[in-house]
Each structure stands twice: as structure tokens, then as C-alpha cells.
Amino acid sequence: MYVCVCARVRECEVRSVIRDGARCLETVGDACGAGTSCGTCHDRICDLIEEEAARDGQLVGAQASRNALVGISA
């Protein structure tokens, strides 16, 4: 399934770059292009970051990414 239709990036690609170290929207976008156009996929990308981070016990960084998305400062 596509996460980012604009850049034609699939969920498996986003998960892969997150597992390789991308921990925020910007680094995911830099790695695979997802989330760099209209922004509709930002919530889904943040969800994937949280899911993958929870697997690794790194939920704090993922929550910071979501807070940045909605404009909440830490």
C-alpha cells in the first residue's frame, strides 16, 4: 500500500528507512521522498515512526516528530 501517493512511496519503503535510522518526517523524506509534497501522508508517516520506534523502545523520538508536526514544542 502507498503511504505517499505524491512520491509513490510504499509502506514497506517507509518502514525500511525508519529501521535504517530515520526518526522524523524530515529524515524519512530525505531518505525516500515520502512526505515532501502535499503533506497528506504526514500523519501516517508519524504513525509508522511510532510503531517502529515502539518496537525498538524509542517512542520518545517518534512523539517528538508528531509534536513538531502539530506545532507543539517540547
PDB file of N, CA and C in Angstrom:
ATOM      1  N   MET A   1       0.846  -1.177   0.000  1.00  0.00           N
ATOM      2  CA  MET A   1       0.000   0.000   0.000  1.00  0.00           C
ATOM      3  C   MET A   1       0.897   1.249   0.000  1.00  0.00           C
ATOM      4  N   TYR A   2       0.456   2.265  -0.724  1.00  0.00           N
ATOM      5  CA  TYR A   2       1.189   3.523  -0.751  1.00  0.00           C
ATOM      6  C   TYR A   2       0.911   4.333   0.516  1.00  0.00           C
ATOM      7  N   VAL A   3       1.976   4.850   1.103  1.00  0.00           N
ATOM      8  CA  VAL A   3       1.862   5.803   2.205  1.00  0.00           C
ATOM      9  C   VAL A   3       1.806   7.204   1.614  1.00  0.00           C
ATOM     10  N   CYS A   4       2.681   7.448   0.645  1.00  0.00           N
ATOM     11  CA  CYS A   4       2.770   8.751  -0.008  1.00  0.00           C
ATOM     12  C   CYS A   4       2.458   8.575  -1.488  1.00  0.00           C
ATOM     13  N   VAL A   5       1.280   9.009  -1.868  1.00  0.00           N
ATOM     14  CA  VAL A   5       0.850   8.875  -3.258  1.00  0.00           C
ATOM     15  C   VAL A   5       1.640   9.829  -4.155  1.00  0.00           C
ATOM     16  N   CYS A   6       1.904  11.026  -3.682  1.00  0.00           N
ATOM     17  CA  CYS A   6       2.622  12.027  -4.492  1.00  0.00           C
ATOM     18  C   CYS A   6       3.972  11.503  -4.970  1.00  0.00           C
ATOM     19  N   ALA A   7       4.718  10.886  -4.052  1.00  0.00           N
ATOM     20  CA  ALA A   7       6.060  10.395  -4.373  1.00  0.00           C
ATOM     21  C   ALA A   7       6.067   8.903  -4.693  1.00  0.00           C
ATOM     22  N   ARG A   8       4.884   8.286  -4.659  1.00  0.00           N
ATOM     23  CA  ARG A   8       4.739   6.854  -4.947  1.00  0.00           C
ATOM     24  C   ARG A   8       5.650   6.006  -4.057  1.00  0.00           C
ATOM     25  N   VAL A   9       5.538   6.243  -2.740  1.00  0.00           N
ATOM     26  CA  VAL A   9       6.354   5.525  -1.762  1.00  0.00           C
ATOM     27  C   VAL A   9       5.447   4.589  -0.975  1.00  0.00           C
ATOM     28  N   ARG A  10       5.823   3.333  -0.950  1.00  0.00           N
ATOM     29  CA  ARG A  10       5.038   2.299  -0.266  1.00  0.00           C
ATOM     30  C   ARG A  10       5.402   2.210   1.222  1.00  0.00           C
ATOM     31  N   GLU A  11       4.477   1.635   1.977  1.00  0.00           N
ATOM     32  CA  GLU A  11       4.684   1.478   3.417  1.00  0.00           C
ATOM     33  C   GLU A  11       5.958   0.707   3.727  1.00  0.00           C
ATOM     34  N   CYS A  12       6.232  -0.344   2.972  1.00  0.00           N
ATOM     35  CA  CYS A  12       7.432  -1.140   3.237  1.00  0.00           C
ATOM     36  C   CYS A  12       8.701  -0.308   3.068  1.00  0.00           C
ATOM     37  N   GLU A  13       8.696   0.647   2.134  1.00  0.00           N
ATOM     38  CA  GLU A  13       9.849   1.523   1.941  1.00  0.00           C
ATOM     39  C   GLU A  13      10.016   2.473   3.125  1.00  0.00           C
ATOM     40  N   VAL A  14       8.904   3.021   3.607  1.00  0.00           N
ATOM     41  CA  VAL A  14       8.962   3.931   4.753  1.00  0.00           C
ATOM     42  C   VAL A  14       9.446   3.181   5.984  1.00  0.00           C
ATOM     43  N   ARG A  15       8.907   1.998   6.217  1.00  0.00           N
ATOM     44  CA  ARG A  15       9.355   1.199   7.366  1.00  0.00           C
ATOM     45  C   ARG A  15      10.842   0.889   7.265  1.00  0.00           C
ATOM     46  N   SER A  16      11.306   0.606   6.068  1.00  0.00           N
ATOM     47  CA  SER A  16      12.714   0.286   5.865  1.00  0.00           C
ATOM     48  C   SER A  16      13.626   1.457   6.226  1.00  0.00           C
ATOM     49  N   VAL A  17      13.279   2.669   5.796  1.00  0.00           N
ATOM     50  CA  VAL A  17      14.138   3.818   6.120  1.00  0.00           C
ATOM     51  C   VAL A  17      14.071   4.156   7.604  1.00  0.00           C
ATOM     52  N   ILE A  18      12.917   3.896   8.228  1.00  0.00           N
ATOM     53  CA  ILE A  18      12.809   4.112   9.676  1.00  0.00           C
ATOM     54  C   ILE A  18      13.706   3.115  10.402  1.00  0.00           C
ATOM     55  N   ARG A  19      13.668   1.873   9.976  1.00  0.00           N
ATOM     56  CA  ARG A  19      14.530   0.853  10.591  1.00  0.00           C
ATOM     57  C   ARG A  19      16.005   1.142  10.362  1.00  0.00           C
ATOM     58  N   ASP A  20      16.304   1.864   9.287  1.00  0.00           N
ATOM     59  CA  ASP A  20      17.689   2.239   8.994  1.00  0.00           C
ATOM     60  C   ASP A  20      18.117   3.517   9.708  1.00  0.00           C
ATOM     61  N   GLY A  21      17.216   4.109  10.508  1.00  0.00           N
ATOM     62  CA  GLY A  21      17.616   5.234  11.340  1.00  0.00           C
ATOM     63  C   GLY A  21      16.824   6.520  11.183  1.00  0.00           C
ATOM     64  N   ALA A  22      15.940   6.626  10.202  1.00  0.00           N
ATOM     65  CA  ALA A  22      15.122   7.834  10.064  1.00  0.00           C
ATOM     66  C   ALA A  22      14.142   7.890  11.232  1.00  0.00           C
ATOM     67  N   ARG A  23      14.118   9.000  11.958  1.00  0.00           N
ATOM     68  CA  ARG A  23      13.283   9.090  13.154  1.00  0.00           C
ATOM     69  C   ARG A  23      12.374  10.307  13.175  1.00  0.00           C
ATOM     70  N   CYS A  24      12.273  11.030  12.059  1.00  0.00           N
ATOM     71  CA  CYS A  24      11.361  12.161  11.983  1.00  0.00           C
ATOM     72  C   CYS A  24      10.916  12.337  10.532  1.00  0.00           C
ATOM     73  N   LEU A  25       9.916  13.166  10.323  1.00  0.00           N
ATOM     74  CA  LEU A  25       9.388  13.379   8.974  1.00  0.00           C
ATOM     75  C   LEU A  25      10.481  13.819   8.005  1.00  0.00           C
ATOM     76  N   GLU A  26      11.341  14.721   8.448  1.00  0.00           N
ATOM     77  CA  GLU A  26      12.375  15.243   7.562  1.00  0.00           C
ATOM     78  C   GLU A  26      13.347  14.155   7.111  1.00  0.00           C
ATOM     79  N   THR A  27      13.792  13.316   8.038  1.00  0.00           N
ATOM     80  CA  THR A  27      14.758  12.283   7.655  1.00  0.00           C
ATOM     81  C   THR A  27      14.107  11.188   6.824  1.00  0.00           C
ATOM     82  N   VAL A  28      12.835  10.897   7.066  1.00  0.00           N
ATOM     83  CA  VAL A  28      12.119   9.950   6.210  1.00  0.00           C
ATOM     84  C   VAL A  28      12.028  10.526   4.799  1.00  0.00           C
ATOM     85  N   GLY A  29      11.650  11.790   4.700  1.00  0.00           N
ATOM     86  CA  GLY A  29      11.551  12.442   3.400  1.00  0.00           C
ATOM     87  C   GLY A  29      12.882  12.483   2.664  1.00  0.00           C
ATOM     88  N   ASP A  30      13.948  12.771   3.391  1.00  0.00           N
ATOM     89  CA  ASP A  30      15.281  12.800   2.780  1.00  0.00           C
ATOM     90  C   ASP A  30      15.672  11.422   2.246  1.00  0.00           C
ATOM     91  N   ALA A  31      15.285  10.383   2.983  1.00  0.00           N
ATOM     92  CA  ALA A  31      15.694   9.024   2.626  1.00  0.00           C
ATOM     93  C   ALA A  31      14.894   8.426   1.469  1.00  0.00           C
ATOM     94  N   CYS A  32      13.585   8.733   1.401  1.00  0.00           N
ATOM     95  CA  CYS A  32      12.773   8.054   0.377  1.00  0.00           C
ATOM     96  C   CYS A  32      11.815   8.963  -0.371  1.00  0.00           C
ATOM     97  N   GLY A  33      11.716  10.222   0.035  1.00  0.00           N
ATOM     98  CA  GLY A  33      10.842  11.167  -0.657  1.00  0.00           C
ATOM     99  C   GLY A  33       9.436  11.272  -0.101  1.00  0.00           C
ATOM    100  N   ALA A  34       9.061  10.360   0.785  1.00  0.00           N
ATOM    101  CA  ALA A  34       7.708  10.393   1.353  1.00  0.00           C
ATOM    102  C   ALA A  34       7.505  11.642   2.196  1.00  0.00           C
ATOM    103  N   GLY A  35       6.352  12.286   2.029  1.00  0.00           N
ATOM    104  CA  GLY A  35       6.002  13.433   2.844  1.00  0.00           C
ATOM    105  C   GLY A  35       6.603  14.749   2.403  1.00  0.00           C
ATOM    106  N   THR A  36       7.189  14.791   1.229  1.00  0.00           N
ATOM    107  CA  THR A  36       7.877  16.007   0.795  1.00  0.00           C
ATOM    108  C   THR A  36       7.049  16.865  -0.154  1.00  0.00           C
ATOM    109  N   SER A  37       5.795  16.483  -0.379  1.00  0.00           N
ATOM    110  CA  SER A  37       4.982  17.257  -1.311  1.00  0.00           C
ATOM    111  C   SER A  37       3.781  17.860  -0.593  1.00  0.00           C
ATOM    112  N   CYS A  38       2.609  17.255  -0.715  1.00  0.00           N
ATOM    113  CA  CYS A  38       1.383  17.889  -0.222  1.00  0.00           C
ATOM    114  C   CYS A  38       1.189  17.794   1.294  1.00  0.00           C
ATOM    115  N   GLY A  39       1.780  16.773   1.939  1.00  0.00           N
ATOM    116  CA  GLY A  39       1.674  16.634   3.384  1.00  0.00           C
ATOM    117  C   GLY A  39       0.530  15.774   3.881  1.00  0.00           C
ATOM    118  N   THR A  40      -0.300  15.275   2.990  1.00  0.00           N
ATOM    119  CA  THR A  40      -1.434  14.445   3.401  1.00  0.00           C
ATOM    120  C   THR A  40      -0.982  13.191   4.154  1.00  0.00           C
ATOM    121  N   CYS A  41       0.191  12.700   3.843  1.00  0.00           N
ATOM    122  CA  CYS A  41       0.680  11.449   4.435  1.00  0.00           C
ATOM    123  C   CYS A  41       1.427  11.647   5.754  1.00  0.00           C
ATOM    124  N   HIS A  42       1.583  12.863   6.212  1.00  0.00           N
ATOM    125  CA  HIS A  42       2.385  13.115   7.413  1.00  0.00           C
ATOM    126  C   HIS A  42       1.890  12.344   8.630  1.00  0.00           C
ATOM    127  N   ASP A  43       0.593  12.294   8.840  1.00  0.00           N
ATOM    128  CA  ASP A  43       0.066  11.554   9.998  1.00  0.00           C
ATOM    129  C   ASP A  43       0.413  10.072   9.903  1.00  0.00           C
ATOM    130  N   ARG A  44       0.280   9.504   8.717  1.00  0.00           N
ATOM    131  CA  ARG A  44       0.583   8.076   8.536  1.00  0.00           C
ATOM    132  C   ARG A  44       2.071   7.816   8.737  1.00  0.00           C
ATOM    133  N   ILE A  45       2.911   8.694   8.226  1.00  0.00           N
ATOM    134  CA  ILE A  45       4.353   8.532   8.420  1.00  0.00           C
ATOM    135  C   ILE A  45       4.687   8.593   9.914  1.00  0.00           C
ATOM    136  N   CYS A  46       4.085   9.531  10.630  1.00  0.00           N
ATOM    137  CA  CYS A  46       4.302   9.625  12.084  1.00  0.00           C
ATOM    138  C   CYS A  46       3.829   8.364  12.789  1.00  0.00           C
ATOM    139  N   ASP A  47       2.703   7.817  12.343  1.00  0.00           N
ATOM    140  CA  ASP A  47       2.223   6.552  12.918  1.00  0.00           C
ATOM    141  C   ASP A  47       3.251   5.442  12.713  1.00  0.00           C
ATOM    142  N   LEU A  48       3.818   5.369  11.523  1.00  0.00           N
ATOM    143  CA  LEU A  48       4.817   4.338  11.230  1.00  0.00           C
ATOM    144  C   LEU A  48       6.082   4.552  12.051  1.00  0.00           C
ATOM    145  N   ILE A  49       6.486   5.806  12.219  1.00  0.00           N
ATOM    146  CA  ILE A  49       7.648   6.100  13.062  1.00  0.00           C
ATOM    147  C   ILE A  49       7.378   5.624  14.491  1.00  0.00           C
ATOM    148  N   GLU A  50       6.183   5.904  15.000  1.00  0.00           N
ATOM    149  CA  GLU A  50       5.828   5.475  16.356  1.00  0.00           C
ATOM    150  C   GLU A  50       5.804   3.961  16.466  1.00  0.00           C
ATOM    151  N   GLU A  51       5.223   3.282  15.488  1.00  0.00           N
ATOM    152  CA  GLU A  51       5.165   1.814  15.520  1.00  0.00           C
ATOM    153  C   GLU A  51       6.558   1.202  15.529  1.00  0.00           C
ATOM    154  N   GLU A  52       7.410   1.688  14.642  1.00  0.00           N
ATOM    155  CA  GLU A  52       8.765   1.147  14.559  1.00  0.00           C
ATOM    156  C   GLU A  52       9.588   1.525  15.786  1.00  0.00           C
ATOM    157  N   ALA A  53       9.409   2.726  16.286  1.00  0.00           N
ATOM    158  CA  ALA A  53      10.138   3.157  17.478  1.00  0.00           C
ATOM    159  C   ALA A  53       9.700   2.357  18.696  1.00  0.00           C
ATOM    160  N   ALA A  54       8.411   2.067  18.780  1.00  0.00           N
ATOM    161  CA  ALA A  54       7.910   1.277  19.910  1.00  0.00           C
ATOM    162  C   ALA A  54       8.542  -0.113  19.903  1.00  0.00           C
ATOM    163  N   ARG A  55       8.740  -0.645  18.729  1.00  0.00           N
ATOM    164  CA  ARG A  55       9.425  -1.940  18.610  1.00  0.00           C
ATOM    165  C   ARG A  55      10.826  -1.871  19.193  1.00  0.00           C
ATOM    166  N   ASP A  56      11.475  -0.734  18.974  1.00  0.00           N
ATOM    167  CA  ASP A  56      12.854  -0.553  19.416  1.00  0.00           C
ATOM    168  C   ASP A  56      12.957   0.124  20.779  1.00  0.00           C
ATOM    169  N   GLY A  57      11.822   0.477  21.381  1.00  0.00           N
ATOM    170  CA  GLY A  57      11.849   1.163  22.668  1.00  0.00           C
ATOM    171  C   GLY A  57      12.278   2.611  22.548  1.00  0.00           C
ATOM    172  N   GLN A  58      12.004   3.251  21.412  1.00  0.00           N
ATOM    173  CA  GLN A  58      12.422   4.631  21.180  1.00  0.00           C
ATOM    174  C   GLN A  58      11.224   5.535  20.940  1.00  0.00           C
ATOM    175  N   LEU A  59      10.151   5.324  21.640  1.00  0.00           N
ATOM    176  CA  LEU A  59       8.917   6.058  21.412  1.00  0.00           C
ATOM    177  C   LEU A  59       9.064   7.560  21.630  1.00  0.00           C
ATOM    178  N   VAL A  60       9.964   7.983  22.468  1.00  0.00           N
ATOM    179  CA  VAL A  60      10.118   9.406  22.769  1.00  0.00           C
ATOM    180  C   VAL A  60      10.439  10.202  21.512  1.00  0.00           C
ATOM    181  N   GLY A  61      11.358   9.738  20.679  1.00  0.00           N
ATOM    182  CA  GLY A  61      11.721  10.437  19.453  1.00  0.00           C
ATOM    183  C   GLY A  61      10.568  10.512  18.480  1.00  0.00           C
ATOM    184  N   ALA A  62       9.783   9.466  18.391  1.00  0.00           N
ATOM    185  CA  ALA A  62       8.635   9.456  17.493  1.00  0.00           C
ATOM    186  C   ALA A  62       7.584  10.449  17.954  1.00  0.00           C
ATOM    187  N   GLN A  63       7.364  10.552  19.251  1.00  0.00           N
ATOM    188  CA  GLN A  63       6.388  11.511  19.756  1.00  0.00           C
ATOM    189  C   GLN A  63       6.856  12.932  19.488  1.00  0.00           C
ATOM    190  N   ALA A  64       8.145  13.172  19.564  1.00  0.00           N
ATOM    191  CA  ALA A  64       8.683  14.500  19.256  1.00  0.00           C
ATOM    192  C   ALA A  64       8.415  14.856  17.798  1.00  0.00           C
ATOM    193  N   SER A  65       8.500  13.873  16.915  1.00  0.00           N
ATOM    194  CA  SER A  65       8.223  14.109  15.499  1.00  0.00           C
ATOM    195  C   SER A  65       6.766  14.503  15.304  1.00  0.00           C
ATOM    196  N   ARG A  66       5.849  13.819  15.980  1.00  0.00           N
ATOM    197  CA  ARG A  66       4.430  14.153  15.868  1.00  0.00           C
ATOM    198  C   ARG A  66       4.169  15.535  16.456  1.00  0.00           C
ATOM    199  N   ASN A  67       4.797  15.845  17.593  1.00  0.00           N
ATOM    200  CA  ASN A  67       4.615  17.172  18.199  1.00  0.00           C
ATOM    201  C   ASN A  67       5.082  18.264  17.259  1.00  0.00           C
ATOM    202  N   ALA A  68       6.192  18.042  16.571  1.00  0.00           N
ATOM    203  CA  ALA A  68       6.678  19.028  15.608  1.00  0.00           C
ATOM    204  C   ALA A  68       5.682  19.212  14.482  1.00  0.00           C
ATOM    205  N   LEU A  69       5.048  18.132  14.082  1.00  0.00           N
ATOM    206  CA  LEU A  69       4.058  18.189  13.001  1.00  0.00           C
ATOM    207  C   LEU A  69       2.880  19.086  13.372  1.00  0.00           C
ATOM    208  N   VAL A  70       2.449  19.005  14.616  1.00  0.00           N
ATOM    209  CA  VAL A  70       1.291  19.783  15.038  1.00  0.00           C
ATOM    210  C   VAL A  70       1.677  21.087  15.736  1.00  0.00           C
ATOM    211  N   GLY A  71       2.962  21.384  15.811  1.00  0.00           N
ATOM    212  CA  GLY A  71       3.427  22.652  16.355  1.00  0.00           C
ATOM    213  C   GLY A  71       3.527  22.724  17.860  1.00  0.00           C
ATOM    214  N   ILE A  72       3.730  21.598  18.522  1.00  0.00           N
ATOM    215  CA  ILE A  72       3.887  21.583  19.981  1.00  0.00           C
ATOM    216  C   ILE A  72       5.364  21.583  20.289  1.00  0.00           C
ATOM    217  N   SER A  73       5.814  22.492  21.119  1.00  0.00           N
ATOM    218  CA  SER A  73       7.229  22.496  21.487  1.00  0.00           C
ATOM    219  C   SER A  73       7.450  21.614  22.704  1.00  0.00           C
ATOM    220  N   ALA A  74       8.644  21.041  22.767  1.00  0.00           N
ATOM    221  CA  ALA A  74       8.963  20.117  23.866  1.00  0.00           C
ATOM    222  C   ALA A  74       9.351  20.868  25.114  1.00  0.00           C
TER     223      ALA A  74
END
